[in-house]
Protein backbone atom coordinates (compact mmCIF):
# COMPACT_ATOMS: atom_id res chain seq x y z
CA MET A 1 127.74 53.76 136.09
CA LYS A 2 127.04 52.78 139.81
CA LYS A 3 123.61 51.25 140.75
CA GLU A 4 122.40 54.38 142.56
CA GLN A 5 123.22 56.39 139.25
CA ARG A 6 121.67 53.85 137.10
CA GLN A 7 118.76 53.97 139.10
CA GLN A 8 118.08 57.38 139.31
CA HIS A 9 118.97 57.37 135.33
CA LEU A 10 116.05 54.73 134.95
CA ILE A 11 113.57 56.92 136.68
CA GLU A 12 114.52 59.89 134.71
CA LEU A 13 114.19 58.46 131.75
CA ILE A 14 110.42 56.36 132.54
CA GLN A 15 109.30 60.32 133.15
CA GLU A 16 111.17 61.47 129.64
CA LEU A 17 109.82 58.64 127.59
CA LYS A 18 106.52 58.59 129.40
CA HIS A 19 106.08 55.16 128.55
CA VAL A 20 109.18 52.33 128.02
CA THR A 21 109.51 48.75 127.56
CA ALA A 22 112.45 47.07 129.78
CA ASP A 23 114.55 46.16 126.62
CA THR A 24 114.51 49.55 125.63
CA LEU A 25 115.48 50.72 129.38
CA ALA A 26 118.54 48.09 128.94
CA LYS A 27 119.21 49.40 126.02
CA HIS A 28 119.58 53.35 127.14
CA LEU A 29 121.37 51.92 130.54
CA GLY A 30 123.87 49.82 128.58
CA VAL A 31 122.55 46.88 130.60
CA SER A 32 120.98 43.77 130.83
CA LYS A 33 116.87 43.84 130.67
CA ARG A 34 117.91 41.30 134.14
CA THR A 35 119.51 44.26 135.61
CA VAL A 36 116.35 46.99 135.07
CA LEU A 37 113.71 44.19 136.17
CA ARG A 38 116.13 44.44 139.21
CA ASP A 39 116.44 47.59 139.73
CA ILE A 40 112.71 48.49 138.98
CA GLN A 41 111.69 46.40 142.21
CA GLU A 42 114.52 47.57 144.09
CA LEU A 43 112.74 51.63 143.47
CA GLU A 44 109.28 50.14 143.65
CA ALA A 45 110.28 48.59 147.54
CA LYS A 46 112.09 52.64 148.47
CA GLY A 47 108.57 53.85 147.16
CA VAL A 48 108.70 54.61 143.91
CA HIS A 49 105.21 54.00 142.34
CA LEU A 50 105.31 52.30 138.91
CA GLN A 51 102.74 51.39 136.70
CA THR A 52 103.16 48.38 134.63
CA HIS A 53 101.56 47.19 132.10
CA ALA A 54 102.21 43.49 130.64
CA GLY A 55 101.32 42.38 126.79
CA GLN A 56 102.46 43.31 123.35
CA LYS A 57 101.98 46.80 124.26
CA GLY A 58 103.80 46.78 128.04
CA GLY A 59 105.95 48.60 129.88
CA TYR A 60 106.52 51.05 132.78
CA ARG A 61 105.87 54.72 133.62
CA MET A 62 105.35 56.70 136.22
CA GLN A 63 102.34 56.54 138.14
CA SER A 64 101.81 60.04 138.51
CA GLN A 65 101.59 60.34 134.98
CA MET A 66 98.08 58.22 135.07
CA ASN A 67 97.18 60.55 138.35
CA HIS A 68 97.08 63.88 137.70
CA ASN A 69 96.05 64.28 140.81
CA ALA A 70 99.10 63.18 142.04
CA LEU A 71 100.91 66.23 144.69
CA THR A 72 104.23 66.77 142.95
CA PHE A 73 106.62 68.87 145.10
CA SER A 74 110.16 70.69 143.55
CA ASP A 75 113.13 70.13 145.57
CA ASN A 76 112.64 73.70 147.63
CA GLU A 77 109.69 72.57 148.45
CA ILE A 78 110.67 69.11 149.98
CA GLN A 79 113.68 70.71 151.71
CA ALA A 80 111.17 73.19 153.28
CA LEU A 81 108.35 70.73 154.27
CA TYR A 82 111.87 68.80 156.06
CA LEU A 83 113.24 71.18 157.94
CA VAL A 84 109.59 72.65 159.06
CA LEU A 85 108.90 68.87 160.37
CA LYS A 86 112.58 68.79 161.66
CA GLU A 87 111.79 71.86 163.62
CA SER A 88 108.31 70.84 164.74
CA LEU A 89 109.32 67.51 166.16
CA THR A 90 111.29 69.88 168.81
CA GLN A 91 109.01 72.74 169.59
CA THR A 92 105.32 71.61 168.85
CA ALA A 93 102.57 70.69 171.28
CA LEU A 94 100.94 68.43 168.57
CA PRO A 95 100.97 64.76 169.78
CA PHE A 96 102.17 63.71 166.15
CA ASP A 97 105.70 62.38 166.64
CA GLU A 98 105.68 59.18 164.99
CA GLU A 99 103.36 60.61 162.01
CA MET A 100 106.36 63.05 161.74
CA ASP A 101 108.85 60.77 161.85
CA SER A 102 107.44 58.44 158.89
CA VAL A 103 107.25 61.52 156.60
CA MET A 104 110.57 62.76 157.35
CA ASP A 105 111.78 59.10 156.68
CA LYS A 106 110.09 58.98 153.91
CA LEU A 107 111.78 61.92 152.48
CA LEU A 108 114.76 60.97 152.95
CA ARG A 109 114.38 57.85 151.34
CA HIS A 110 113.55 59.84 147.59
CA PRO A 111 114.23 58.87 144.92
CA ASN A 112 116.21 61.53 143.79
CA VAL A 113 119.89 61.40 145.03
CA THR A 114 119.85 65.40 145.25
CA VAL A 115 117.00 65.75 146.96
CA ARG A 116 118.78 63.33 149.88
CA GLN A 117 122.00 64.93 149.42
CA ASN A 118 120.36 68.24 149.75
CA LEU A 119 118.41 66.55 153.09
CA LYS A 120 121.58 64.89 154.69
CA HIS A 121 123.22 68.72 154.89
CA ILE A 122 120.41 69.96 156.51
CA ASN A 123 120.79 67.41 159.50
CA GLU A 124 124.21 68.05 159.47
CA VAL A 125 124.23 72.10 159.30
CA ILE A 126 121.11 72.67 161.35
CA ARG A 127 120.16 71.75 164.83
CA ILE A 128 117.12 72.49 166.54
CA GLU A 129 117.27 72.38 170.42
CA SER A 130 114.44 71.19 172.01
CA SER A 131 112.00 73.13 173.74
CA GLU A 132 110.24 72.22 177.60
CA THR A 133 107.01 71.77 175.57
CA GLU A 134 104.26 69.80 176.93
CA ARG A 135 101.98 67.87 174.57
CA LEU A 136 98.87 67.45 174.21
CA SER A 137 97.52 63.93 174.83
CA ARG A 138 95.55 62.12 171.78
CA LEU A 139 92.59 63.89 173.01
CA LEU A 140 93.11 65.92 170.39
CA HIS A 141 92.82 63.80 167.61
CA ALA A 142 89.23 62.55 169.25
CA ILE A 143 87.88 66.36 168.97
CA LEU A 144 88.58 66.74 165.58
CA VAL A 145 85.90 63.91 165.21
CA TYR A 146 83.57 65.41 167.43
CA ALA A 147 83.93 69.03 165.86
CA HIS A 148 82.66 67.50 162.73
CA GLU A 149 80.66 65.28 164.25
CA ARG A 150 78.62 68.02 166.10
CA LYS A 151 77.24 65.64 168.72
CA VAL A 152 76.82 66.42 172.51
CA MET A 153 79.58 65.41 174.96
CA ALA A 154 80.31 64.91 178.05
CA ILE A 155 83.43 66.85 178.78
CA GLU A 156 85.46 66.59 182.00
CA TYR A 157 88.22 69.13 182.87
CA GLU A 158 89.86 71.30 185.72
CA LEU A 159 88.34 74.64 186.45
CA ASN A 160 91.50 77.58 186.10
CA ALA A 161 93.15 78.41 188.61
CA SER A 162 91.66 75.81 190.49
CA GLU A 163 91.63 72.14 191.44
CA GLN A 164 88.34 71.56 191.26
CA THR A 165 87.03 69.29 188.08
CA VAL A 166 83.80 69.43 186.38
CA VAL A 167 81.59 67.64 184.35
CA GLU A 168 79.10 69.39 181.22
CA ASN A 169 77.80 68.97 178.30
CA VAL A 170 78.57 71.04 174.71
CA VAL A 171 79.15 70.57 171.44
CA PHE A 172 82.61 70.79 170.41
CA ILE A 173 82.93 73.77 167.63
CA GLY A 174 86.97 73.43 166.80
CA LEU A 175 90.47 74.23 168.53
CA LEU A 176 92.27 77.03 168.46
CA CYS A 177 95.83 78.05 169.28
CA GLU A 178 97.44 80.99 170.59
CA GLN A 179 100.92 81.72 171.11
CA GLY A 180 101.50 78.06 171.25
CA LEU A 181 98.77 77.09 173.70
CA TRP A 182 95.78 75.13 172.77
CA ARG A 183 92.26 75.43 173.38
CA ALA A 184 89.15 73.90 172.93
CA VAL A 185 86.20 76.03 171.42
CA VAL A 186 82.23 74.32 172.42
CA TYR A 187 79.22 75.43 173.19
CA HIS A 188 77.70 74.63 176.22
CA ILE A 189 74.74 73.28 175.63
CA GLY A 190 72.45 74.30 179.08
CA GLY A 191 73.79 77.70 178.98
CA GLY A 192 73.55 78.54 175.22
CA TYR A 193 76.97 80.31 174.83
CA THR A 194 80.31 79.43 174.01
CA LYS A 195 83.52 78.74 175.81
CA VAL A 196 87.21 78.24 175.13
CA ILE A 197 88.54 75.34 177.44
CA ASP A 198 92.38 74.94 177.87
CA MET A 199 93.41 71.23 176.03
CA SER A 200 95.64 70.56 178.98
CA SER A 201 92.51 70.81 181.42
CA ILE A 202 90.76 68.24 179.81
CA SER A 203 90.95 65.10 180.96
CA ASP A 204 87.95 62.92 179.41
CA ILE A 205 85.27 63.19 176.78
CA SER A 206 82.63 60.79 176.27
CA TYR A 207 79.58 60.69 174.36
CA SER A 208 76.10 61.71 176.06
CA PHE A 209 72.65 62.65 173.97
CA TYR A 210 74.81 60.43 170.98
CA LYS A 211 72.56 63.34 168.98
CA SER A 212 73.64 66.26 167.11
CA ILE A 213 72.47 69.37 167.68
CA LYS A 214 71.78 72.40 165.32
CA THR A 215 75.24 74.65 165.57
CA GLN A 216 76.54 74.97 162.14
CA ASP A 217 75.76 78.95 162.17
CA ILE A 218 78.65 78.46 165.26
CA THR A 219 82.02 78.46 163.38
CA MET A 220 85.90 79.52 164.55
CA ASP A 221 85.04 82.49 162.64
CA ASN A 222 82.12 83.87 164.69
CA TYR A 223 82.38 81.51 167.71
CA LYS A 224 83.24 84.63 170.10
CA VAL A 225 79.62 86.18 169.33
CA TYR A 226 78.41 84.03 171.38
CA LEU A 227 80.89 83.72 173.66
CA GLN A 228 80.14 83.84 177.84
CA ASN A 229 79.71 86.90 179.45
CA GLU A 230 82.59 86.67 182.35
CA SER A 231 80.90 89.20 184.74
CA SER A 232 77.66 86.31 184.23
């Protein structure tokens, strides 16, 4: 039995037996205890989470069996997630390239041999051409925080159809994506209304009053009720 097959069988044994010692694993696999310990060390380095218990009743169990809140995915769900991420890297405007690459790399190192082979097959038979989508700035990360804090922010942005730059005091309500275009929904402090600003036009954001404004009644579900009258 090849090492990769043996390690996969080792994982399946731990999952099946729930709690098992290195001696028992060695007996089932027909190898030495030393080989089992080395395999376990390699699997943990690959990201397989095992719970180790020392002592007379010691042994191994999958960490997910200790934590019932751990996320689990079927093989089809893993393939779907990988394909969505693969497409997103070439199509999305979101500035999460490094994070998506990291998740995809973890999926490609999945301990299940069949899953890894299926993902490799996806890479071989599916080609996604890159689009010329302009990536959003890392300000998006900050806006997510500001929308949660609801503090007054000074925002600098360029007015539509002009090169005029303005600075306004606003409270961020949330983010809106329509047909691939990302916009920030804000509440204008001086005007008492909401407005929508293209993310690409925002050049700077900073704290203004360092205090929160009671805008919890304005949400992404009802912000249109408070929209600025375009005729004003």
